[in-house]
Amino acid sequence: MKKQSLAIYKLPIKIHNLSVLHFYFIFLFILGNCILFSQKTMAQVEMNLRLQAGFPLEEFAINNESIAFGIGGTFLVPLAGEGSVVSLGLDAGYMIYGMQSEDYIDNNGFDYTLNTNNNIFESFAMVRFKPRWIDSFIYPYADGLLGGRYIYTRTTEEEDGQDIDSFIEQDGFSFAYGGAAGLLISLSDEIKLDMRAVYTQGGKTKYLTKNSIYPDPLFPDDFIYDIKNTRTDMLSFQVGITFFIY
């Protein structure tokens, strides 16, 4: 745990973990190449939009009891054109866990509110194996994932119902890898209901959880930060719609 003055510890809203920036550049590079590849092969592209819930596992669960909720999506292109059982693409998701809102009074007697939310942004390069079942309305698949997970805590300071400042308290990045299994259920030739379970092992990183920030009982204007530093393994369940676009 560490103690910081709120006024001193404010940070601008930006991604300031350099390894995250490197990962994002790789992410955008792969995305661009997938789009170019799809245009050259005129293959049937898969695009997915989904809702998801993430459950911390092992060390992550011991230190964080909050379930994460959010949205996500995938972009896939067949490896060898239409009819291929192997597709390559990208997967990205954003989730919030452990939101907190607390009212305080500073040394000058002014009331203010701190609204804190903990966020997870994850993105993966992925490979999908899906059998060609021509006359079926159910299509199982399996995914391999390799990427990273960016966890950060953002606090908004509010006075008289108005936001006056916003800043990142803590952030950290960890590489992650894993697998997924799912089912596509046909709603039409171009639209499928997509149900998916994803298991990922995340590396060690620093993060905050709900109630990890609290005022110092001896110095009301100072706050104590109970920063965790563990692996970030997760199991998530996802439901969405997949579109097949030529």
Foldseek 3Di string as FASTA:
>chain_A
DAKDFPVVQFDDPDDDDVVVVVQVVVQVVQQVVQVVVCVVQVAWKKKWKWKKKKAWDDPQCVQAVWIKIWIWMWIWGAPRGPPHQKIKTKIKIKIKIQWDKDWAAAPVGAIKMKTKIKMKIWMWTKMKGWDCDPPDQKTKIKMWTWGKMKIWMKIFMGHPRHTDDIGTNDIKMWIKIWMKIWMWGDPDPFKTKIKMKTWMKTAWIKYAHHPQWDADPVHRSMIHGNIDTGIGIMMMIMIIMMGTHD
